Every structure is written in C-alpha cells, then in structure tokens.
PDB file of N, CA and C in Angstrom:
ATOM      1  N   MET A   1      51.770  35.775 -51.335  1.00  0.00           N
ATOM      2  CA  MET A   1      50.742  35.407 -50.255  1.00  0.00           C
ATOM      3  C   MET A   1      51.595  34.815 -49.101  1.00  0.00           C
ATOM      4  N   LEU A   2      51.275  35.112 -47.813  1.00  0.00           N
ATOM      5  CA  LEU A   2      51.989  34.608 -46.634  1.00  0.00           C
ATOM      6  C   LEU A   2      51.088  33.465 -45.858  1.00  0.00           C
ATOM      7  N   ARG A   3      51.860  32.547 -45.496  1.00  0.00           N
ATOM      8  CA  ARG A   3      50.971  31.528 -44.741  1.00  0.00           C
ATOM      9  C   ARG A   3      51.681  31.517 -43.241  1.00  0.00           C
ATOM     10  N   ILE A   4      51.002  31.461 -42.173  1.00  0.00           N
ATOM     11  CA  ILE A   4      51.376  31.373 -40.804  1.00  0.00           C
ATOM     12  C   ILE A   4      50.920  30.161 -40.347  1.00  0.00           C
ATOM     13  N   THR A   5      51.909  29.428 -39.737  1.00  0.00           N
ATOM     14  CA  THR A   5      51.322  27.985 -39.097  1.00  0.00           C
ATOM     15  C   THR A   5      51.976  28.127 -37.681  1.00  0.00           C
ATOM     16  N   ARG A   6      51.186  27.974 -36.638  1.00  0.00           N
ATOM     17  CA  ARG A   6      51.703  28.038 -35.264  1.00  0.00           C
ATOM     18  C   ARG A   6      51.665  26.666 -34.784  1.00  0.00           C
ATOM     19  N   SER A   7      52.773  26.357 -33.966  1.00  0.00           N
ATOM     20  CA  SER A   7      53.118  25.168 -33.301  1.00  0.00           C
ATOM     21  C   SER A   7      53.433  25.473 -31.873  1.00  0.00           C
ATOM     22  N   ASP A   8      52.806  24.722 -30.945  1.00  0.00           N
ATOM     23  CA  ASP A   8      53.105  24.954 -29.553  1.00  0.00           C
ATOM     24  C   ASP A   8      53.892  23.664 -29.260  1.00  0.00           C
ATOM     25  N   LEU A   9      55.371  23.762 -29.148  1.00  0.00           N
ATOM     26  CA  LEU A   9      56.210  22.542 -29.107  1.00  0.00           C
ATOM     27  C   LEU A   9      56.257  22.088 -27.768  1.00  0.00           C
ATOM     28  N   ASP A  10      56.235  22.934 -26.833  1.00  0.00           N
ATOM     29  CA  ASP A  10      56.170  22.466 -25.321  1.00  0.00           C
ATOM     30  C   ASP A  10      55.389  23.624 -24.519  1.00  0.00           C
ATOM     31  N   ALA A  11      55.494  23.511 -23.311  1.00  0.00           N
ATOM     32  CA  ALA A  11      54.732  24.279 -22.334  1.00  0.00           C
ATOM     33  C   ALA A  11      55.044  25.808 -22.461  1.00  0.00           C
ATOM     34  N   ASP A  12      56.202  26.160 -22.922  1.00  0.00           N
ATOM     35  CA  ASP A  12      56.496  27.571 -22.967  1.00  0.00           C
ATOM     36  C   ASP A  12      57.188  27.993 -24.220  1.00  0.00           C
ATOM     37  N   LEU A  13      57.034  27.334 -25.367  1.00  0.00           N
ATOM     38  CA  LEU A  13      57.572  27.600 -26.505  1.00  0.00           C
ATOM     39  C   LEU A  13      56.597  27.394 -27.641  1.00  0.00           C
ATOM     40  N   THR A  14      56.369  28.640 -28.464  1.00  0.00           N
ATOM     41  CA  THR A  14      55.520  28.639 -29.690  1.00  0.00           C
ATOM     42  C   THR A  14      56.385  28.957 -30.944  1.00  0.00           C
ATOM     43  N   THR A  15      56.193  28.161 -32.069  1.00  0.00           N
ATOM     44  CA  THR A  15      56.737  28.744 -33.054  1.00  0.00           C
ATOM     45  C   THR A  15      55.900  28.994 -34.189  1.00  0.00           C
ATOM     46  N   LEU A  16      56.121  29.989 -34.905  1.00  0.00           N
ATOM     47  CA  LEU A  16      55.311  30.574 -35.845  1.00  0.00           C
ATOM     48  C   LEU A  16      56.159  30.318 -37.229  1.00  0.00           C
ATOM     49  N   GLU A  17      55.672  29.271 -37.976  1.00  0.00           N
ATOM     50  CA  GLU A  17      56.479  29.143 -39.216  1.00  0.00           C
ATOM     51  C   GLU A  17      55.629  30.046 -40.404  1.00  0.00           C
ATOM     52  N   LEU A  18      56.571  30.735 -40.864  1.00  0.00           N
ATOM     53  CA  LEU A  18      56.128  31.623 -42.087  1.00  0.00           C
ATOM     54  C   LEU A  18      56.533  31.081 -43.434  1.00  0.00           C
ATOM     55  N   GLU A  19      55.666  31.135 -44.373  1.00  0.00           N
ATOM     56  CA  GLU A  19      56.029  30.602 -45.733  1.00  0.00           C
ATOM     57  C   GLU A  19      55.359  31.512 -46.817  1.00  0.00           C
ATOM     58  N   GLY A  20      56.215  31.730 -47.781  1.00  0.00           N
ATOM     59  CA  GLY A  20      55.895  32.647 -48.790  1.00  0.00           C
ATOM     60  C   GLY A  20      56.442  34.122 -48.841  1.00  0.00           C
ATOM     61  N   ARG A  21      55.820  35.027 -49.292  1.00  0.00           N
ATOM     62  CA  ARG A  21      56.376  36.335 -49.393  1.00  0.00           C
ATOM     63  C   ARG A  21      55.808  37.059 -48.218  1.00  0.00           C
ATOM     64  N   LEU A  22      56.602  37.719 -47.584  1.00  0.00           N
ATOM     65  CA  LEU A  22      56.244  38.618 -46.339  1.00  0.00           C
ATOM     66  C   LEU A  22      56.179  40.132 -46.861  1.00  0.00           C
ATOM     67  N   LEU A  23      55.255  40.720 -47.140  1.00  0.00           N
ATOM     68  CA  LEU A  23      54.953  42.104 -47.490  1.00  0.00           C
ATOM     69  C   LEU A  23      54.338  42.951 -46.462  1.00  0.00           C
ATOM     70  N   ALA A  24      54.445  44.088 -46.603  1.00  0.00           N
ATOM     71  CA  ALA A  24      53.832  45.151 -45.797  1.00  0.00           C
ATOM     72  C   ALA A  24      52.407  44.869 -45.287  1.00  0.00           C
ATOM     73  N   ARG A  25      51.553  44.414 -46.281  1.00  0.00           N
ATOM     74  CA  ARG A  25      50.152  44.078 -46.004  1.00  0.00           C
ATOM     75  C   ARG A  25      49.917  42.991 -44.976  1.00  0.00           C
ATOM     76  N   ASP A  26      50.951  42.175 -44.758  1.00  0.00           N
ATOM     77  CA  ASP A  26      51.024  41.009 -43.923  1.00  0.00           C
ATOM     78  C   ASP A  26      51.371  41.179 -42.644  1.00  0.00           C
ATOM     79  N   VAL A  27      52.104  42.536 -42.217  1.00  0.00           N
ATOM     80  CA  VAL A  27      52.665  42.722 -40.928  1.00  0.00           C
ATOM     81  C   VAL A  27      51.608  42.582 -39.924  1.00  0.00           C
ATOM     82  N   THR A  28      50.294  43.220 -40.200  1.00  0.00           N
ATOM     83  CA  THR A  28      49.274  43.205 -39.281  1.00  0.00           C
ATOM     84  C   THR A  28      48.877  41.793 -38.885  1.00  0.00           C
ATOM     85  N   GLU A  29      48.750  40.717 -39.720  1.00  0.00           N
ATOM     86  CA  GLU A  29      48.321  39.511 -39.563  1.00  0.00           C
ATOM     87  C   GLU A  29      49.518  38.866 -38.563  1.00  0.00           C
ATOM     88  N   LEU A  30      50.675  39.146 -38.988  1.00  0.00           N
ATOM     89  CA  LEU A  30      51.795  38.566 -38.191  1.00  0.00           C
ATOM     90  C   LEU A  30      51.894  39.098 -36.755  1.00  0.00           C
ATOM     91  N   GLU A  31      51.553  40.405 -36.592  1.00  0.00           N
ATOM     92  CA  GLU A  31      51.494  40.994 -35.270  1.00  0.00           C
ATOM     93  C   GLU A  31      50.561  40.459 -34.506  1.00  0.00           C
ATOM     94  N   ARG A  32      49.158  40.022 -35.131  1.00  0.00           N
ATOM     95  CA  ARG A  32      48.216  39.492 -34.383  1.00  0.00           C
ATOM     96  C   ARG A  32      48.586  38.067 -33.964  1.00  0.00           C
ATOM     97  N   SER A  33      49.179  37.347 -34.955  1.00  0.00           N
ATOM     98  CA  SER A  33      49.519  35.954 -34.401  1.00  0.00           C
ATOM     99  C   SER A  33      50.696  35.913 -33.209  1.00  0.00           C
ATOM    100  N   LEU A  34      51.425  36.802 -33.358  1.00  0.00           N
ATOM    101  CA  LEU A  34      52.496  37.035 -32.394  1.00  0.00           C
ATOM    102  C   LEU A  34      51.803  37.499 -30.860  1.00  0.00           C
ATOM    103  N   ALA A  35      50.839  38.504 -30.993  1.00  0.00           N
ATOM    104  CA  ALA A  35      50.207  38.932 -29.766  1.00  0.00           C
ATOM    105  C   ALA A  35      49.505  37.604 -29.040  1.00  0.00           C
ATOM    106  N   GLU A  36      48.793  36.793 -29.796  1.00  0.00           N
ATOM    107  CA  GLU A  36      48.138  35.682 -29.352  1.00  0.00           C
ATOM    108  C   GLU A  36      49.089  34.862 -28.665  1.00  0.00           C
ATOM    109  N   ALA A  37      50.158  34.545 -29.261  1.00  0.00           N
ATOM    110  CA  ALA A  37      51.300  33.623 -28.704  1.00  0.00           C
ATOM    111  C   ALA A  37      51.860  34.225 -27.426  1.00  0.00           C
ATOM    112  N   LEU A  38      52.149  35.483 -27.564  1.00  0.00           N
ATOM    113  CA  LEU A  38      52.841  36.197 -26.392  1.00  0.00           C
ATOM    114  C   LEU A  38      51.696  36.477 -25.169  1.00  0.00           C
ATOM    115  N   ALA A  39      50.544  36.513 -25.490  1.00  0.00           N
ATOM    116  CA  ALA A  39      49.751  36.556 -24.385  1.00  0.00           C
ATOM    117  C   ALA A  39      49.662  35.582 -23.366  1.00  0.00           C
ATOM    118  N   SER A  40      50.024  34.441 -23.873  1.00  0.00           N
ATOM    119  CA  SER A  40      50.032  33.203 -22.903  1.00  0.00           C
ATOM    120  C   SER A  40      51.458  33.098 -22.191  1.00  0.00           C
ATOM    121  N   ASP A  41      52.272  34.159 -22.115  1.00  0.00           N
ATOM    122  CA  ASP A  41      53.533  34.076 -21.495  1.00  0.00           C
ATOM    123  C   ASP A  41      54.450  33.089 -22.074  1.00  0.00           C
ATOM    124  N   ARG A  42      54.421  32.815 -23.488  1.00  0.00           N
ATOM    125  CA  ARG A  42      55.141  31.667 -24.194  1.00  0.00           C
ATOM    126  C   ARG A  42      56.359  32.450 -24.910  1.00  0.00           C
ATOM    127  N   ARG A  43      57.376  31.860 -24.826  1.00  0.00           N
ATOM    128  CA  ARG A  43      58.457  32.491 -25.757  1.00  0.00           C
ATOM    129  C   ARG A  43      58.141  32.049 -27.213  1.00  0.00           C
ATOM    130  N   VAL A  44      58.392  32.991 -28.073  1.00  0.00           N
ATOM    131  CA  VAL A  44      58.079  32.701 -29.364  1.00  0.00           C
ATOM    132  C   VAL A  44      59.286  32.962 -30.516  1.00  0.00           C
ATOM    133  N   VAL A  45      59.321  31.867 -31.370  1.00  0.00           N
ATOM    134  CA  VAL A  45      60.357  31.889 -32.423  1.00  0.00           C
ATOM    135  C   VAL A  45      59.664  31.956 -33.789  1.00  0.00           C
ATOM    136  N   LEU A  46      60.032  32.765 -34.600  1.00  0.00           N
ATOM    137  CA  LEU A  46      59.534  33.231 -35.942  1.00  0.00           C
ATOM    138  C   LEU A  46      60.566  32.322 -36.895  1.00  0.00           C
ATOM    139  N   ASP A  47      60.082  31.265 -37.380  1.00  0.00           N
ATOM    140  CA  ASP A  47      60.723  30.313 -38.325  1.00  0.00           C
ATOM    141  C   ASP A  47      60.465  31.007 -39.793  1.00  0.00           C
ATOM    142  N   LEU A  48      61.729  31.441 -40.368  1.00  0.00           N
ATOM    143  CA  LEU A  48      61.536  32.108 -41.560  1.00  0.00           C
ATOM    144  C   LEU A  48      62.085  31.136 -42.777  1.00  0.00           C
ATOM    145  N   CYS A  49      62.229  29.945 -42.550  1.00  0.00           N
ATOM    146  CA  CYS A  49      62.860  29.020 -43.572  1.00  0.00           C
ATOM    147  C   CYS A  49      62.074  29.078 -44.900  1.00  0.00           C
ATOM    148  N   GLY A  50      60.628  29.211 -44.863  1.00  0.00           N
ATOM    149  CA  GLY A  50      59.913  29.220 -45.963  1.00  0.00           C
ATOM    150  C   GLY A  50      59.460  30.433 -46.635  1.00  0.00           C
ATOM    151  N   VAL A  51      60.259  31.557 -46.029  1.00  0.00           N
ATOM    152  CA  VAL A  51      60.037  32.910 -46.737  1.00  0.00           C
ATOM    153  C   VAL A  51      60.900  33.095 -47.879  1.00  0.00           C
ATOM    154  N   THR A  52      60.387  33.394 -48.990  1.00  0.00           N
ATOM    155  CA  THR A  52      60.939  33.691 -50.080  1.00  0.00           C
ATOM    156  C   THR A  52      61.359  35.138 -50.618  1.00  0.00           C
ATOM    157  N   TYR A  53      60.662  35.954 -49.897  1.00  0.00           N
ATOM    158  CA  TYR A  53      60.776  37.399 -50.253  1.00  0.00           C
ATOM    159  C   TYR A  53      60.455  38.141 -49.004  1.00  0.00           C
ATOM    160  N   VAL A  54      60.975  39.289 -48.805  1.00  0.00           N
ATOM    161  CA  VAL A  54      60.721  40.358 -47.615  1.00  0.00           C
ATOM    162  C   VAL A  54      60.900  41.513 -48.203  1.00  0.00           C
ATOM    163  N   ASP A  55      59.805  42.561 -48.148  1.00  0.00           N
ATOM    164  CA  ASP A  55      59.882  43.783 -48.523  1.00  0.00           C
ATOM    165  C   ASP A  55      60.479  44.831 -47.481  1.00  0.00           C
ATOM    166  N   ALA A  56      60.954  45.998 -47.793  1.00  0.00           N
ATOM    167  CA  ALA A  56      61.619  46.768 -46.812  1.00  0.00           C
ATOM    168  C   ALA A  56      60.799  47.100 -45.621  1.00  0.00           C
ATOM    169  N   ALA A  57      59.444  47.319 -45.713  1.00  0.00           N
ATOM    170  CA  ALA A  57      58.710  47.664 -44.548  1.00  0.00           C
ATOM    171  C   ALA A  57      58.649  46.458 -43.548  1.00  0.00           C
ATOM    172  N   SER A  58      58.479  45.161 -44.168  1.00  0.00           N
ATOM    173  CA  SER A  58      58.323  43.905 -43.312  1.00  0.00           C
ATOM    174  C   SER A  58      59.661  43.582 -42.662  1.00  0.00           C
ATOM    175  N   ALA A  59      60.822  43.977 -43.446  1.00  0.00           N
ATOM    176  CA  ALA A  59      62.073  43.799 -42.841  1.00  0.00           C
ATOM    177  C   ALA A  59      62.220  44.610 -41.592  1.00  0.00           C
ATOM    178  N   GLU A  60      61.687  45.978 -41.732  1.00  0.00           N
ATOM    179  CA  GLU A  60      61.772  46.868 -40.626  1.00  0.00           C
ATOM    180  C   GLU A  60      61.072  46.333 -39.435  1.00  0.00           C
ATOM    181  N   ALA A  61      59.861  45.801 -39.728  1.00  0.00           N
ATOM    182  CA  ALA A  61      58.955  45.159 -38.735  1.00  0.00           C
ATOM    183  C   ALA A  61      59.747  43.953 -37.931  1.00  0.00           C
ATOM    184  N   LEU A  62      60.332  42.966 -38.840  1.00  0.00           N
ATOM    185  CA  LEU A  62      60.965  41.935 -38.220  1.00  0.00           C
ATOM    186  C   LEU A  62      62.260  42.378 -37.327  1.00  0.00           C
ATOM    187  N   VAL A  63      62.932  43.401 -37.678  1.00  0.00           N
ATOM    188  CA  VAL A  63      63.920  43.994 -36.970  1.00  0.00           C
ATOM    189  C   VAL A  63      63.482  44.448 -35.517  1.00  0.00           C
ATOM    190  N   GLY A  64      62.163  45.196 -35.696  1.00  0.00           N
ATOM    191  CA  GLY A  64      61.642  45.695 -34.383  1.00  0.00           C
ATOM    192  C   GLY A  64      61.294  44.511 -33.442  1.00  0.00           C
ATOM    193  N   LEU A  65      60.753  43.557 -33.964  1.00  0.00           N
ATOM    194  CA  LEU A  65      60.288  42.292 -33.280  1.00  0.00           C
ATOM    195  C   LEU A  65      61.422  41.697 -32.651  1.00  0.00           C
ATOM    196  N   ARG A  66      62.534  41.659 -33.397  1.00  0.00           N
ATOM    197  CA  ARG A  66      63.814  40.948 -32.884  1.00  0.00           C
ATOM    198  C   ARG A  66      64.229  41.905 -31.580  1.00  0.00           C
ATOM    199  N   ARG A  67      64.102  43.231 -31.872  1.00  0.00           N
ATOM    200  CA  ARG A  67      64.528  44.131 -30.578  1.00  0.00           C
ATOM    201  C   ARG A  67      63.786  43.777 -29.386  1.00  0.00           C
ATOM    202  N   LYS A  68      62.481  43.388 -29.583  1.00  0.00           N
ATOM    203  CA  LYS A  68      61.551  43.155 -28.506  1.00  0.00           C
ATOM    204  C   LYS A  68      61.576  41.910 -28.007  1.00  0.00           C
ATOM    205  N   GLY A  69      62.748  41.078 -28.412  1.00  0.00           N
ATOM    206  CA  GLY A  69      62.855  39.775 -27.801  1.00  0.00           C
ATOM    207  C   GLY A  69      62.277  38.455 -28.666  1.00  0.00           C
ATOM    208  N   VAL A  70      61.706  38.769 -29.780  1.00  0.00           N
ATOM    209  CA  VAL A  70      61.192  37.717 -30.644  1.00  0.00           C
ATOM    210  C   VAL A  70      62.307  37.095 -31.383  1.00  0.00           C
ATOM    211  N   ALA A  71      62.612  35.717 -31.326  1.00  0.00           N
ATOM    212  CA  ALA A  71      63.664  35.071 -31.983  1.00  0.00           C
ATOM    213  C   ALA A  71      63.363  34.884 -33.360  1.00  0.00           C
ATOM    214  N   LEU A  72      64.319  35.141 -34.363  1.00  0.00           N
ATOM    215  CA  LEU A  72      64.218  34.879 -35.681  1.00  0.00           C
ATOM    216  C   LEU A  72      65.054  33.582 -36.040  1.00  0.00           C
ATOM    217  N   ALA A  73      64.421  32.676 -36.717  1.00  0.00           N
ATOM    218  CA  ALA A  73      65.314  31.420 -37.073  1.00  0.00           C
ATOM    219  C   ALA A  73      65.176  31.128 -38.616  1.00  0.00           C
ATOM    220  N   GLY A  74      66.185  30.604 -39.013  1.00  0.00           N
ATOM    221  CA  GLY A  74      66.063  29.944 -40.377  1.00  0.00           C
ATOM    222  C   GLY A  74      65.940  30.994 -41.639  1.00  0.00           C
ATOM    223  N   CYS A  75      66.743  32.160 -41.262  1.00  0.00           N
ATOM    224  CA  CYS A  75      66.665  33.162 -42.119  1.00  0.00           C
ATOM    225  C   CYS A  75      67.593  32.775 -43.370  1.00  0.00           C
ATOM    226  N   SER A  76      67.084  33.043 -44.786  1.00  0.00           N
ATOM    227  CA  SER A  76      67.877  32.706 -45.927  1.00  0.00           C
ATOM    228  C   SER A  76      69.006  33.813 -45.874  1.00  0.00           C
ATOM    229  N   PRO A  77      69.994  33.578 -46.798  1.00  0.00           N
ATOM    230  CA  PRO A  77      71.036  34.520 -46.927  1.00  0.00           C
ATOM    231  C   PRO A  77      70.554  35.916 -47.278  1.00  0.00           C
ATOM    232  N   PHE A  78      69.457  35.917 -48.196  1.00  0.00           N
ATOM    233  CA  PHE A  78      68.889  37.228 -48.647  1.00  0.00           C
ATOM    234  C   PHE A  78      68.231  37.997 -47.434  1.00  0.00           C
ATOM    235  N   VAL A  79      67.265  37.154 -46.787  1.00  0.00           N
ATOM    236  CA  VAL A  79      66.638  37.895 -45.678  1.00  0.00           C
ATOM    237  C   VAL A  79      67.676  38.265 -44.499  1.00  0.00           C
ATOM    238  N   ARG A  80      68.712  37.531 -44.234  1.00  0.00           N
ATOM    239  CA  ARG A  80      69.774  37.942 -43.427  1.00  0.00           C
ATOM    240  C   ARG A  80      70.423  39.176 -43.652  1.00  0.00           C
ATOM    241  N   GLU A  81      70.795  39.387 -44.931  1.00  0.00           N
ATOM    242  CA  GLU A  81      71.376  40.437 -45.331  1.00  0.00           C
ATOM    243  C   GLU A  81      70.546  41.722 -45.209  1.00  0.00           C
ATOM    244  N   LEU A  82      69.195  41.400 -45.719  1.00  0.00           N
ATOM    245  CA  LEU A  82      68.231  42.603 -45.623  1.00  0.00           C
ATOM    246  C   LEU A  82      67.955  43.090 -44.044  1.00  0.00           C
ATOM    247  N   LEU A  83      67.974  42.154 -43.379  1.00  0.00           N
ATOM    248  CA  LEU A  83      67.903  42.600 -42.059  1.00  0.00           C
ATOM    249  C   LEU A  83      69.113  43.304 -41.368  1.00  0.00           C
ATOM    250  N   LYS A  84      70.379  42.975 -41.818  1.00  0.00           N
ATOM    251  CA  LYS A  84      71.490  43.712 -41.414  1.00  0.00           C
ATOM    252  C   LYS A  84      71.500  45.032 -41.920  1.00  0.00           C
ATOM    253  N   GLU A  85      71.058  45.106 -43.228  1.00  0.00           N
ATOM    254  CA  GLU A  85      70.955  46.588 -43.904  1.00  0.00           C
ATOM    255  C   GLU A  85      69.917  47.448 -42.940  1.00  0.00           C
ATOM    256  N   VAL A  86      68.818  46.851 -42.706  1.00  0.00           N
ATOM    257  CA  VAL A  86      67.811  47.754 -42.093  1.00  0.00           C
ATOM    258  C   VAL A  86      68.252  48.046 -40.626  1.00  0.00           C
ATOM    259  N   SER A  87      69.058  47.102 -39.988  1.00  0.00           N
ATOM    260  CA  SER A  87      69.428  47.309 -38.643  1.00  0.00           C
ATOM    261  C   SER A  87      70.379  48.448 -38.368  1.00  0.00           C
ATOM    262  N   SER A  88      71.285  48.727 -39.573  1.00  0.00           N
ATOM    263  CA  SER A  88      72.184  49.652 -39.333  1.00  0.00           C
ATOM    264  C   SER A  88      71.912  50.984 -39.684  1.00  0.00           C
TER     265      SER A  88
END
C-alpha cells in the first residue's frame, strides 16, 4: 500500500512524500496528486525516502516524471539502481 503526503513548504515548492510500496495500480493516484500540485505552478519534489519497493511499471512512470521535470529525492540504493536500468 502507498501513502502520499503533500507538504507545501513555501510559496513555490510542494513535496509529495511517498511511503510504502509503489505499484502499477498506484501510478494513477500519484499522477493525480502531481497534477494538483503542478496546476498551481509549483515546483514539485517526490520524496521517495519511505518507499520500500517499486515495480517495473512504476519505475518507468517515475523515469517519465523525472524527464518532465519532477525532482526525485531520497531514493534508496534499490530504487536508484532500478531507475538507472529503466532509463537505459
């Protein structure tokens, strides 16, 4: 199960903190949360410190979001390697 917590840290930065397992079924919810944050012309950072597992479909979605300018922070070594594999 994935939990997404939004924090508006200042006037132009929103952090979405993800906790748990990020699976393909969660991508739609994540994209909805991102769309809400981006709609207000805010910079968005996905904090992945609390993510314990990412499946292949979710990794591809994260790489796509990063290519669109969404910052990814706090990746575990497992997630970082998975994103490298998907990117190449």
